[in-house]
Amino acid sequence: MSEFVKVARVGDIQPGSGKTVTLGATPVALFNVDGQYYAIHNNCPHEDGPLGEGTLCGCVVTCPVHAYEFDVTSGACLTEPVYRVEQFEVRVDGEDILLRL
């Protein structure tokens, strides 16, 4: 069974916002959508823009580099369907936000 690793605390990410965290050597964009947490790979596959620094509207994050949009619940790119980012399983344990390695 894969283990979960603490990457943040619940109070670190306000609803409607995101944050970049690290899972091992992997940069991960972690988002709070109305109290539900989602995690996707931080690097936009178009030009490596930092998705964790993008604007979140509902469950869609917009890459700050070229405005590509990604659904944080699935990793699907809404701008160009050939692109997709990896998703990570999120678990909340008390005040800790954990991601599966």
PDB file of N, CA and C in Angstrom:
ATOM      1  N   MET A   1       0.842  -1.177   0.000  1.00  0.00           N
ATOM      2  CA  MET A   1       0.000   0.000   0.000  1.00  0.00           C
ATOM      3  C   MET A   1       0.891   1.245   0.000  1.00  0.00           C
ATOM      4  N   SER A   2       0.548   2.213  -0.839  1.00  0.00           N
ATOM      5  CA  SER A   2       1.314   3.456  -0.914  1.00  0.00           C
ATOM      6  C   SER A   2       1.085   4.291   0.329  1.00  0.00           C
ATOM      7  N   GLU A   3       2.104   5.020   0.720  1.00  0.00           N
ATOM      8  CA  GLU A   3       1.969   5.839   1.911  1.00  0.00           C
ATOM      9  C   GLU A   3       1.573   7.268   1.550  1.00  0.00           C
ATOM     10  N   PHE A   4       0.998   7.950   2.512  1.00  0.00           N
ATOM     11  CA  PHE A   4       0.624   9.347   2.360  1.00  0.00           C
ATOM     12  C   PHE A   4       1.630  10.200   3.109  1.00  0.00           C
ATOM     13  N   VAL A   5       1.907  11.391   2.561  1.00  0.00           N
ATOM     14  CA  VAL A   5       2.887  12.300   3.128  1.00  0.00           C
ATOM     15  C   VAL A   5       2.225  13.652   3.373  1.00  0.00           C
ATOM     16  N   LYS A   6       2.478  14.232   4.537  1.00  0.00           N
ATOM     17  CA  LYS A   6       1.937  15.551   4.854  1.00  0.00           C
ATOM     18  C   LYS A   6       2.637  16.601   3.994  1.00  0.00           C
ATOM     19  N   VAL A   7       1.828  17.448   3.327  1.00  0.00           N
ATOM     20  CA  VAL A   7       2.391  18.505   2.487  1.00  0.00           C
ATOM     21  C   VAL A   7       1.931  19.897   2.902  1.00  0.00           C
ATOM     22  N   ALA A   8       0.857  19.974   3.701  1.00  0.00           N
ATOM     23  CA  ALA A   8       0.330  21.278   4.115  1.00  0.00           C
ATOM     24  C   ALA A   8      -0.649  21.070   5.262  1.00  0.00           C
ATOM     25  N   ARG A   9      -1.148  22.186   5.776  1.00  0.00           N
ATOM     26  CA  ARG A   9      -2.200  22.162   6.794  1.00  0.00           C
ATOM     27  C   ARG A   9      -3.431  22.842   6.213  1.00  0.00           C
ATOM     28  N   VAL A  10      -4.583  22.466   6.716  1.00  0.00           N
ATOM     29  CA  VAL A  10      -5.850  22.969   6.193  1.00  0.00           C
ATOM     30  C   VAL A  10      -5.868  24.492   6.115  1.00  0.00           C
ATOM     31  N   GLY A  11      -5.379  25.183   7.128  1.00  0.00           N
ATOM     32  CA  GLY A  11      -5.391  26.645   7.139  1.00  0.00           C
ATOM     33  C   GLY A  11      -4.427  27.302   6.171  1.00  0.00           C
ATOM     34  N   ASP A  12      -3.545  26.512   5.547  1.00  0.00           N
ATOM     35  CA  ASP A  12      -2.553  27.070   4.620  1.00  0.00           C
ATOM     36  C   ASP A  12      -3.153  27.509   3.284  1.00  0.00           C
ATOM     37  N   ILE A  13      -4.293  26.928   2.913  1.00  0.00           N
ATOM     38  CA  ILE A  13      -4.866  27.188   1.595  1.00  0.00           C
ATOM     39  C   ILE A  13      -6.329  27.597   1.767  1.00  0.00           C
ATOM     40  N   GLN A  14      -6.609  28.847   1.495  1.00  0.00           N
ATOM     41  CA  GLN A  14      -7.963  29.365   1.629  1.00  0.00           C
ATOM     42  C   GLN A  14      -8.847  28.857   0.484  1.00  0.00           C
ATOM     43  N   PRO A  15     -10.158  28.737   0.706  1.00  0.00           N
ATOM     44  CA  PRO A  15     -11.060  28.336  -0.378  1.00  0.00           C
ATOM     45  C   PRO A  15     -10.886  29.250  -1.597  1.00  0.00           C
ATOM     46  N   GLY A  16     -10.850  28.639  -2.770  1.00  0.00           N
ATOM     47  CA  GLY A  16     -10.689  29.392  -4.006  1.00  0.00           C
ATOM     48  C   GLY A  16      -9.263  29.748  -4.339  1.00  0.00           C
ATOM     49  N   SER A  17      -8.316  29.082  -3.673  1.00  0.00           N
ATOM     50  CA  SER A  17      -6.906  29.382  -3.937  1.00  0.00           C
ATOM     51  C   SER A  17      -6.087  28.104  -4.035  1.00  0.00           C
ATOM     52  N   GLY A  18      -4.835  28.277  -4.424  1.00  0.00           N
ATOM     53  CA  GLY A  18      -3.922  27.146  -4.567  1.00  0.00           C
ATOM     54  C   GLY A  18      -2.566  27.469  -4.005  1.00  0.00           C
ATOM     55  N   LYS A  19      -1.742  26.454  -3.958  1.00  0.00           N
ATOM     56  CA  LYS A  19      -0.397  26.580  -3.406  1.00  0.00           C
ATOM     57  C   LYS A  19       0.466  25.511  -4.050  1.00  0.00           C
ATOM     58  N   THR A  20       1.731  25.811  -4.250  1.00  0.00           N
ATOM     59  CA  THR A  20       2.668  24.814  -4.761  1.00  0.00           C
ATOM     60  C   THR A  20       3.352  24.141  -3.580  1.00  0.00           C
ATOM     61  N   VAL A  21       3.342  22.812  -3.584  1.00  0.00           N
ATOM     62  CA  VAL A  21       4.010  22.014  -2.565  1.00  0.00           C
ATOM     63  C   VAL A  21       4.918  21.022  -3.277  1.00  0.00           C
ATOM     64  N   THR A  22       5.716  20.307  -2.512  1.00  0.00           N
ATOM     65  CA  THR A  22       6.617  19.315  -3.098  1.00  0.00           C
ATOM     66  C   THR A  22       6.297  17.947  -2.526  1.00  0.00           C
ATOM     67  N   LEU A  23       6.181  16.974  -3.407  1.00  0.00           N
ATOM     68  CA  LEU A  23       5.972  15.580  -3.028  1.00  0.00           C
ATOM     69  C   LEU A  23       7.201  14.815  -3.496  1.00  0.00           C
ATOM     70  N   GLY A  24       8.133  14.567  -2.584  1.00  0.00           N
ATOM     71  CA  GLY A  24       9.427  14.022  -2.986  1.00  0.00           C
ATOM     72  C   GLY A  24      10.129  15.096  -3.801  1.00  0.00           C
ATOM     73  N   ALA A  25      10.428  14.798  -5.066  1.00  0.00           N
ATOM     74  CA  ALA A  25      11.052  15.780  -5.956  1.00  0.00           C
ATOM     75  C   ALA A  25      10.041  16.368  -6.941  1.00  0.00           C
ATOM     76  N   THR A  26       8.773  16.034  -6.779  1.00  0.00           N
ATOM     77  CA  THR A  26       7.741  16.449  -7.731  1.00  0.00           C
ATOM     78  C   THR A  26       7.008  17.698  -7.248  1.00  0.00           C
ATOM     79  N   PRO A  27       6.978  18.750  -8.089  1.00  0.00           N
ATOM     80  CA  PRO A  27       6.194  19.933  -7.723  1.00  0.00           C
ATOM     81  C   PRO A  27       4.708  19.654  -7.956  1.00  0.00           C
ATOM     82  N   VAL A  28       3.902  19.958  -6.964  1.00  0.00           N
ATOM     83  CA  VAL A  28       2.469  19.671  -7.015  1.00  0.00           C
ATOM     84  C   VAL A  28       1.690  20.946  -6.725  1.00  0.00           C
ATOM     85  N   ALA A  29       0.635  21.185  -7.503  1.00  0.00           N
ATOM     86  CA  ALA A  29      -0.272  22.304  -7.262  1.00  0.00           C
ATOM     87  C   ALA A  29      -1.440  21.763  -6.444  1.00  0.00           C
ATOM     88  N   LEU A  30      -1.639  22.336  -5.271  1.00  0.00           N
ATOM     89  CA  LEU A  30      -2.680  21.893  -4.342  1.00  0.00           C
ATOM     90  C   LEU A  30      -3.731  22.990  -4.246  1.00  0.00           C
ATOM     91  N   PHE A  31      -5.002  22.626  -4.433  1.00  0.00           N
ATOM     92  CA  PHE A  31      -6.085  23.603  -4.487  1.00  0.00           C
ATOM     93  C   PHE A  31      -7.182  23.292  -3.483  1.00  0.00           C
ATOM     94  N   ASN A  32      -7.822  24.359  -3.009  1.00  0.00           N
ATOM     95  CA  ASN A  32      -8.971  24.253  -2.117  1.00  0.00           C
ATOM     96  C   ASN A  32     -10.189  24.737  -2.895  1.00  0.00           C
ATOM     97  N   VAL A  33     -11.078  23.819  -3.244  1.00  0.00           N
ATOM     98  CA  VAL A  33     -12.313  24.148  -3.949  1.00  0.00           C
ATOM     99  C   VAL A  33     -13.455  23.938  -2.958  1.00  0.00           C
ATOM    100  N   ASP A  34     -13.889  25.039  -2.340  1.00  0.00           N
ATOM    101  CA  ASP A  34     -14.984  24.998  -1.368  1.00  0.00           C
ATOM    102  C   ASP A  34     -14.771  23.963  -0.267  1.00  0.00           C
ATOM    103  N   GLY A  35     -13.536  23.892   0.247  1.00  0.00           N
ATOM    104  CA  GLY A  35     -13.229  22.977   1.338  1.00  0.00           C
ATOM    105  C   GLY A  35     -12.807  21.584   0.915  1.00  0.00           C
ATOM    106  N   GLN A  36     -12.861  21.298  -0.375  1.00  0.00           N
ATOM    107  CA  GLN A  36     -12.395  20.016  -0.916  1.00  0.00           C
ATOM    108  C   GLN A  36     -11.030  20.261  -1.552  1.00  0.00           C
ATOM    109  N   TYR A  37     -10.063  19.394  -1.280  1.00  0.00           N
ATOM    110  CA  TYR A  37      -8.706  19.598  -1.769  1.00  0.00           C
ATOM    111  C   TYR A  37      -8.411  18.693  -2.962  1.00  0.00           C
ATOM    112  N   TYR A  38      -7.723  19.283  -3.955  1.00  0.00           N
ATOM    113  CA  TYR A  38      -7.335  18.568  -5.164  1.00  0.00           C
ATOM    114  C   TYR A  38      -5.871  18.872  -5.448  1.00  0.00           C
ATOM    115  N   ALA A  39      -5.171  17.884  -6.007  1.00  0.00           N
ATOM    116  CA  ALA A  39      -3.754  18.060  -6.310  1.00  0.00           C
ATOM    117  C   ALA A  39      -3.454  17.551  -7.713  1.00  0.00           C
ATOM    118  N   ILE A  40      -2.732  18.400  -8.467  1.00  0.00           N
ATOM    119  CA  ILE A  40      -2.295  18.044  -9.813  1.00  0.00           C
ATOM    120  C   ILE A  40      -0.823  18.428  -9.949  1.00  0.00           C
ATOM    121  N   HIS A  41      -0.170  17.882 -10.961  1.00  0.00           N
ATOM    122  CA  HIS A  41       1.225  18.242 -11.209  1.00  0.00           C
ATOM    123  C   HIS A  41       1.291  19.750 -11.433  1.00  0.00           C
ATOM    124  N   ASN A  42       2.293  20.386 -10.869  1.00  0.00           N
ATOM    125  CA  ASN A  42       2.392  21.841 -10.928  1.00  0.00           C
ATOM    126  C   ASN A  42       2.755  22.382 -12.305  1.00  0.00           C
ATOM    127  N   ASN A  43       3.461  21.612 -13.118  1.00  0.00           N
ATOM    128  CA  ASN A  43       3.962  22.130 -14.386  1.00  0.00           C
ATOM    129  C   ASN A  43       2.965  21.942 -15.513  1.00  0.00           C
ATOM    130  N   CYS A  44       2.554  23.064 -16.114  1.00  0.00           N
ATOM    131  CA  CYS A  44       1.673  23.021 -17.284  1.00  0.00           C
ATOM    132  C   CYS A  44       2.422  22.322 -18.416  1.00  0.00           C
ATOM    133  N   PRO A  45       1.809  21.344 -19.085  1.00  0.00           N
ATOM    134  CA  PRO A  45       2.503  20.626 -20.155  1.00  0.00           C
ATOM    135  C   PRO A  45       2.731  21.473 -21.405  1.00  0.00           C
ATOM    136  N   HIS A  46       2.101  22.623 -21.491  1.00  0.00           N
ATOM    137  CA  HIS A  46       2.289  23.485 -22.663  1.00  0.00           C
ATOM    138  C   HIS A  46       3.656  24.153 -22.640  1.00  0.00           C
ATOM    139  N   GLU A  47       3.968  24.897 -21.555  1.00  0.00           N
ATOM    140  CA  GLU A  47       5.253  25.596 -21.475  1.00  0.00           C
ATOM    141  C   GLU A  47       5.799  25.594 -20.043  1.00  0.00           C
ATOM    142  N   ASP A  48       5.414  24.604 -19.241  1.00  0.00           N
ATOM    143  CA  ASP A  48       5.898  24.447 -17.864  1.00  0.00           C
ATOM    144  C   ASP A  48       5.498  25.579 -16.918  1.00  0.00           C
ATOM    145  N   GLY A  49       4.411  26.260 -17.195  1.00  0.00           N
ATOM    146  CA  GLY A  49       3.936  27.307 -16.289  1.00  0.00           C
ATOM    147  C   GLY A  49       3.571  26.722 -14.944  1.00  0.00           C
ATOM    148  N   PRO A  50       3.712  27.490 -13.854  1.00  0.00           N
ATOM    149  CA  PRO A  50       3.421  27.012 -12.511  1.00  0.00           C
ATOM    150  C   PRO A  50       1.917  27.079 -12.193  1.00  0.00           C
ATOM    151  N   LEU A  51       1.226  25.971 -12.320  1.00  0.00           N
ATOM    152  CA  LEU A  51      -0.223  25.949 -12.122  1.00  0.00           C
ATOM    153  C   LEU A  51      -0.619  26.345 -10.707  1.00  0.00           C
ATOM    154  N   GLY A  52       0.226  26.066  -9.733  1.00  0.00           N
ATOM    155  CA  GLY A  52      -0.066  26.449  -8.355  1.00  0.00           C
ATOM    156  C   GLY A  52      -0.128  27.955  -8.155  1.00  0.00           C
ATOM    157  N   GLU A  53       0.405  28.716  -9.100  1.00  0.00           N
ATOM    158  CA  GLU A  53       0.353  30.176  -9.050  1.00  0.00           C
ATOM    159  C   GLU A  53      -0.756  30.725  -9.944  1.00  0.00           C
ATOM    160  N   GLY A  54      -1.519  29.823 -10.564  1.00  0.00           N
ATOM    161  CA  GLY A  54      -2.585  30.248 -11.459  1.00  0.00           C
ATOM    162  C   GLY A  54      -3.818  30.720 -10.706  1.00  0.00           C
ATOM    163  N   THR A  55      -4.773  31.254 -11.454  1.00  0.00           N
ATOM    164  CA  THR A  55      -6.034  31.727 -10.903  1.00  0.00           C
ATOM    165  C   THR A  55      -7.034  30.581 -10.898  1.00  0.00           C
ATOM    166  N   LEU A  56      -7.665  30.353  -9.747  1.00  0.00           N
ATOM    167  CA  LEU A  56      -8.654  29.289  -9.604  1.00  0.00           C
ATOM    168  C   LEU A  56     -10.045  29.900  -9.645  1.00  0.00           C
ATOM    169  N   CYS A  57     -10.892  29.368 -10.530  1.00  0.00           N
ATOM    170  CA  CYS A  57     -12.284  29.797 -10.629  1.00  0.00           C
ATOM    171  C   CYS A  57     -13.125  28.521 -10.615  1.00  0.00           C
ATOM    172  N   GLY A  58     -13.818  28.283  -9.514  1.00  0.00           N
ATOM    173  CA  GLY A  58     -14.520  27.011  -9.364  1.00  0.00           C
ATOM    174  C   GLY A  58     -13.483  25.915  -9.280  1.00  0.00           C
ATOM    175  N   CYS A  59     -13.568  24.940 -10.180  1.00  0.00           N
ATOM    176  CA  CYS A  59     -12.583  23.852 -10.194  1.00  0.00           C
ATOM    177  C   CYS A  59     -11.634  23.962 -11.388  1.00  0.00           C
ATOM    178  N   VAL A  60     -11.526  25.155 -11.968  1.00  0.00           N
ATOM    179  CA  VAL A  60     -10.652  25.363 -13.124  1.00  0.00           C
ATOM    180  C   VAL A  60      -9.537  26.329 -12.759  1.00  0.00           C
ATOM    181  N   VAL A  61      -8.298  25.884 -12.991  1.00  0.00           N
ATOM    182  CA  VAL A  61      -7.148  26.751 -12.775  1.00  0.00           C
ATOM    183  C   VAL A  61      -6.638  27.210 -14.141  1.00  0.00           C
ATOM    184  N   THR A  62      -6.264  28.490 -14.209  1.00  0.00           N
ATOM    185  CA  THR A  62      -5.725  29.063 -15.429  1.00  0.00           C
ATOM    186  C   THR A  62      -4.229  29.264 -15.255  1.00  0.00           C
ATOM    187  N   CYS A  63      -3.458  28.677 -16.162  1.00  0.00           N
ATOM    188  CA  CYS A  63      -2.000  28.792 -16.108  1.00  0.00           C
ATOM    189  C   CYS A  63      -1.608  30.258 -16.270  1.00  0.00           C
ATOM    190  N   PRO A  64      -0.705  30.758 -15.407  1.00  0.00           N
ATOM    191  CA  PRO A  64      -0.316  32.163 -15.494  1.00  0.00           C
ATOM    192  C   PRO A  64       0.572  32.501 -16.691  1.00  0.00           C
ATOM    193  N   VAL A  65       1.060  31.507 -17.423  1.00  0.00           N
ATOM    194  CA  VAL A  65       1.958  31.789 -18.543  1.00  0.00           C
ATOM    195  C   VAL A  65       1.182  32.067 -19.832  1.00  0.00           C
ATOM    196  N   HIS A  66       0.349  31.115 -20.276  1.00  0.00           N
ATOM    197  CA  HIS A  66      -0.385  31.291 -21.536  1.00  0.00           C
ATOM    198  C   HIS A  66      -1.881  31.047 -21.408  1.00  0.00           C
ATOM    199  N   ALA A  67      -2.389  31.063 -20.177  1.00  0.00           N
ATOM    200  CA  ALA A  67      -3.834  30.974 -19.907  1.00  0.00           C
ATOM    201  C   ALA A  67      -4.482  29.658 -20.309  1.00  0.00           C
ATOM    202  N   TYR A  68      -3.712  28.582 -20.348  1.00  0.00           N
ATOM    203  CA  TYR A  68      -4.327  27.272 -20.560  1.00  0.00           C
ATOM    204  C   TYR A  68      -5.111  26.926 -19.298  1.00  0.00           C
ATOM    205  N   GLU A  69      -6.283  26.326 -19.475  1.00  0.00           N
ATOM    206  CA  GLU A  69      -7.146  26.003 -18.342  1.00  0.00           C
ATOM    207  C   GLU A  69      -7.161  24.503 -18.078  1.00  0.00           C
ATOM    208  N   PHE A  70      -7.117  24.153 -16.779  1.00  0.00           N
ATOM    209  CA  PHE A  70      -7.116  22.756 -16.353  1.00  0.00           C
ATOM    210  C   PHE A  70      -8.169  22.539 -15.284  1.00  0.00           C
ATOM    211  N   ASP A  71      -8.877  21.419 -15.382  1.00  0.00           N
ATOM    212  CA  ASP A  71      -9.829  21.004 -14.353  1.00  0.00           C
ATOM    213  C   ASP A  71      -9.019  20.354 -13.238  1.00  0.00           C
ATOM    214  N   VAL A  72      -9.028  20.943 -12.053  1.00  0.00           N
ATOM    215  CA  VAL A  72      -8.212  20.417 -10.959  1.00  0.00           C
ATOM    216  C   VAL A  72      -8.753  19.099 -10.413  1.00  0.00           C
ATOM    217  N   THR A  73     -10.011  18.768 -10.724  1.00  0.00           N
ATOM    218  CA  THR A  73     -10.581  17.506 -10.239  1.00  0.00           C
ATOM    219  C   THR A  73     -10.188  16.313 -11.092  1.00  0.00           C
ATOM    220  N   SER A  74      -9.734  16.573 -12.331  1.00  0.00           N
ATOM    221  CA  SER A  74      -9.407  15.469 -13.231  1.00  0.00           C
ATOM    222  C   SER A  74      -8.032  15.584 -13.875  1.00  0.00           C
ATOM    223  N   GLY A  75      -7.465  16.785 -13.905  1.00  0.00           N
ATOM    224  CA  GLY A  75      -6.191  17.000 -14.588  1.00  0.00           C
ATOM    225  C   GLY A  75      -6.353  17.275 -16.068  1.00  0.00           C
ATOM    226  N   ALA A  76      -7.582  17.264 -16.575  1.00  0.00           N
ATOM    227  CA  ALA A  76      -7.837  17.474 -17.998  1.00  0.00           C
ATOM    228  C   ALA A  76      -7.613  18.934 -18.382  1.00  0.00           C
ATOM    229  N   CYS A  77      -7.043  19.134 -19.562  1.00  0.00           N
ATOM    230  CA  CYS A  77      -6.856  20.479 -20.090  1.00  0.00           C
ATOM    231  C   CYS A  77      -8.107  20.850 -20.878  1.00  0.00           C
ATOM    232  N   LEU A  78      -8.723  21.964 -20.528  1.00  0.00           N
ATOM    233  CA  LEU A  78      -9.942  22.419 -21.194  1.00  0.00           C
ATOM    234  C   LEU A  78      -9.627  23.252 -22.430  1.00  0.00           C
ATOM    235  N   THR A  79      -8.406  23.741 -22.520  1.00  0.00           N
ATOM    236  CA  THR A  79      -7.991  24.583 -23.641  1.00  0.00           C
ATOM    237  C   THR A  79      -7.559  23.740 -24.832  1.00  0.00           C
ATOM    238  N   GLU A  80      -6.772  22.726 -24.570  1.00  0.00           N
ATOM    239  CA  GLU A  80      -6.220  21.858 -25.608  1.00  0.00           C
ATOM    240  C   GLU A  80      -6.287  20.417 -25.092  1.00  0.00           C
ATOM    241  N   PRO A  81      -7.311  19.662 -25.496  1.00  0.00           N
ATOM    242  CA  PRO A  81      -7.552  18.330 -24.933  1.00  0.00           C
ATOM    243  C   PRO A  81      -6.401  17.322 -25.034  1.00  0.00           C
ATOM    244  N   VAL A  82      -5.404  17.582 -25.875  1.00  0.00           N
ATOM    245  CA  VAL A  82      -4.278  16.638 -25.952  1.00  0.00           C
ATOM    246  C   VAL A  82      -3.400  16.727 -24.708  1.00  0.00           C
ATOM    247  N   TYR A  83      -3.520  17.821 -23.969  1.00  0.00           N
ATOM    248  CA  TYR A  83      -2.735  17.984 -22.744  1.00  0.00           C
ATOM    249  C   TYR A  83      -3.512  17.475 -21.533  1.00  0.00           C
ATOM    250  N   ARG A  84      -2.768  17.023 -20.550  1.00  0.00           N
ATOM    251  CA  ARG A  84      -3.335  16.547 -19.283  1.00  0.00           C
ATOM    252  C   ARG A  84      -2.216  16.614 -18.259  1.00  0.00           C
ATOM    253  N   VAL A  85      -2.580  16.836 -17.002  1.00  0.00           N
ATOM    254  CA  VAL A  85      -1.587  16.804 -15.931  1.00  0.00           C
ATOM    255  C   VAL A  85      -1.938  15.677 -14.967  1.00  0.00           C
ATOM    256  N   GLU A  86      -0.914  15.121 -14.361  1.00  0.00           N
ATOM    257  CA  GLU A  86      -1.090  14.033 -13.409  1.00  0.00           C
ATOM    258  C   GLU A  86      -1.852  14.522 -12.183  1.00  0.00           C
ATOM    259  N   GLN A  87      -2.737  13.670 -11.678  1.00  0.00           N
ATOM    260  CA  GLN A  87      -3.470  13.939 -10.442  1.00  0.00           C
ATOM    261  C   GLN A  87      -2.807  13.177  -9.303  1.00  0.00           C
ATOM    262  N   PHE A  88      -3.000  13.676  -8.091  1.00  0.00           N
ATOM    263  CA  PHE A  88      -2.505  13.004  -6.903  1.00  0.00           C
ATOM    264  C   PHE A  88      -3.654  12.838  -5.926  1.00  0.00           C
ATOM    265  N   GLU A  89      -3.688  11.689  -5.273  1.00  0.00           N
ATOM    266  CA  GLU A  89      -4.730  11.431  -4.286  1.00  0.00           C
ATOM    267  C   GLU A  89      -4.479  12.250  -3.038  1.00  0.00           C
ATOM    268  N   VAL A  90      -5.531  12.921  -2.562  1.00  0.00           N
ATOM    269  CA  VAL A  90      -5.448  13.795  -1.391  1.00  0.00           C
ATOM    270  C   VAL A  90      -6.263  13.184  -0.258  1.00  0.00           C
ATOM    271  N   ARG A  91      -5.729  13.300   0.939  1.00  0.00           N
ATOM    272  CA  ARG A  91      -6.441  12.867   2.143  1.00  0.00           C
ATOM    273  C   ARG A  91      -6.245  13.944   3.202  1.00  0.00           C
ATOM    274  N   VAL A  92      -7.301  14.246   3.943  1.00  0.00           N
ATOM    275  CA  VAL A  92      -7.204  15.183   5.058  1.00  0.00           C
ATOM    276  C   VAL A  92      -7.323  14.372   6.337  1.00  0.00           C
ATOM    277  N   ASP A  93      -6.348  14.559   7.225  1.00  0.00           N
ATOM    278  CA  ASP A  93      -6.322  13.861   8.503  1.00  0.00           C
ATOM    279  C   ASP A  93      -6.235  14.923   9.594  1.00  0.00           C
ATOM    280  N   GLY A  94      -7.376  15.238  10.204  1.00  0.00           N
ATOM    281  CA  GLY A  94      -7.407  16.334  11.177  1.00  0.00           C
ATOM    282  C   GLY A  94      -7.152  17.641  10.453  1.00  0.00           C
ATOM    283  N   GLU A  95      -6.053  18.306  10.800  1.00  0.00           N
ATOM    284  CA  GLU A  95      -5.672  19.568  10.150  1.00  0.00           C
ATOM    285  C   GLU A  95      -4.595  19.376   9.085  1.00  0.00           C
ATOM    286  N   ASP A  96      -4.142  18.131   8.879  1.00  0.00           N
ATOM    287  CA  ASP A  96      -3.075  17.848   7.925  1.00  0.00           C
ATOM    288  C   ASP A  96      -3.618  17.470   6.564  1.00  0.00           C
ATOM    289  N   ILE A  97      -2.996  18.017   5.510  1.00  0.00           N
ATOM    290  CA  ILE A  97      -3.325  17.629   4.143  1.00  0.00           C
ATOM    291  C   ILE A  97      -2.217  16.692   3.684  1.00  0.00           C
ATOM    292  N   LEU A  98      -2.611  15.507   3.257  1.00  0.00           N
ATOM    293  CA  LEU A  98      -1.664  14.469   2.857  1.00  0.00           C
ATOM    294  C   LEU A  98      -1.849  14.127   1.386  1.00  0.00           C
ATOM    295  N   LEU A  99      -0.740  13.785   0.722  1.00  0.00           N
ATOM    296  CA  LEU A  99      -0.781  13.311  -0.652  1.00  0.00           C
ATOM    297  C   LEU A  99      -0.167  11.927  -0.702  1.00  0.00           C
ATOM    298  N   ARG A 100      -0.718  11.085  -1.594  1.00  0.00           N
ATOM    299  CA  ARG A 100      -0.178   9.733  -1.764  1.00  0.00           C
ATOM    300  C   ARG A 100       1.088   9.782  -2.596  1.00  0.00           C
ATOM    301  N   LEU A 101       2.135   9.127  -2.101  1.00  0.00           N
ATOM    302  CA  LEU A 101       3.390   9.015  -2.848  1.00  0.00           C
ATOM    303  C   LEU A 101       3.207   8.162  -4.076  1.00  0.00           C
TER     304      LEU A 101
END
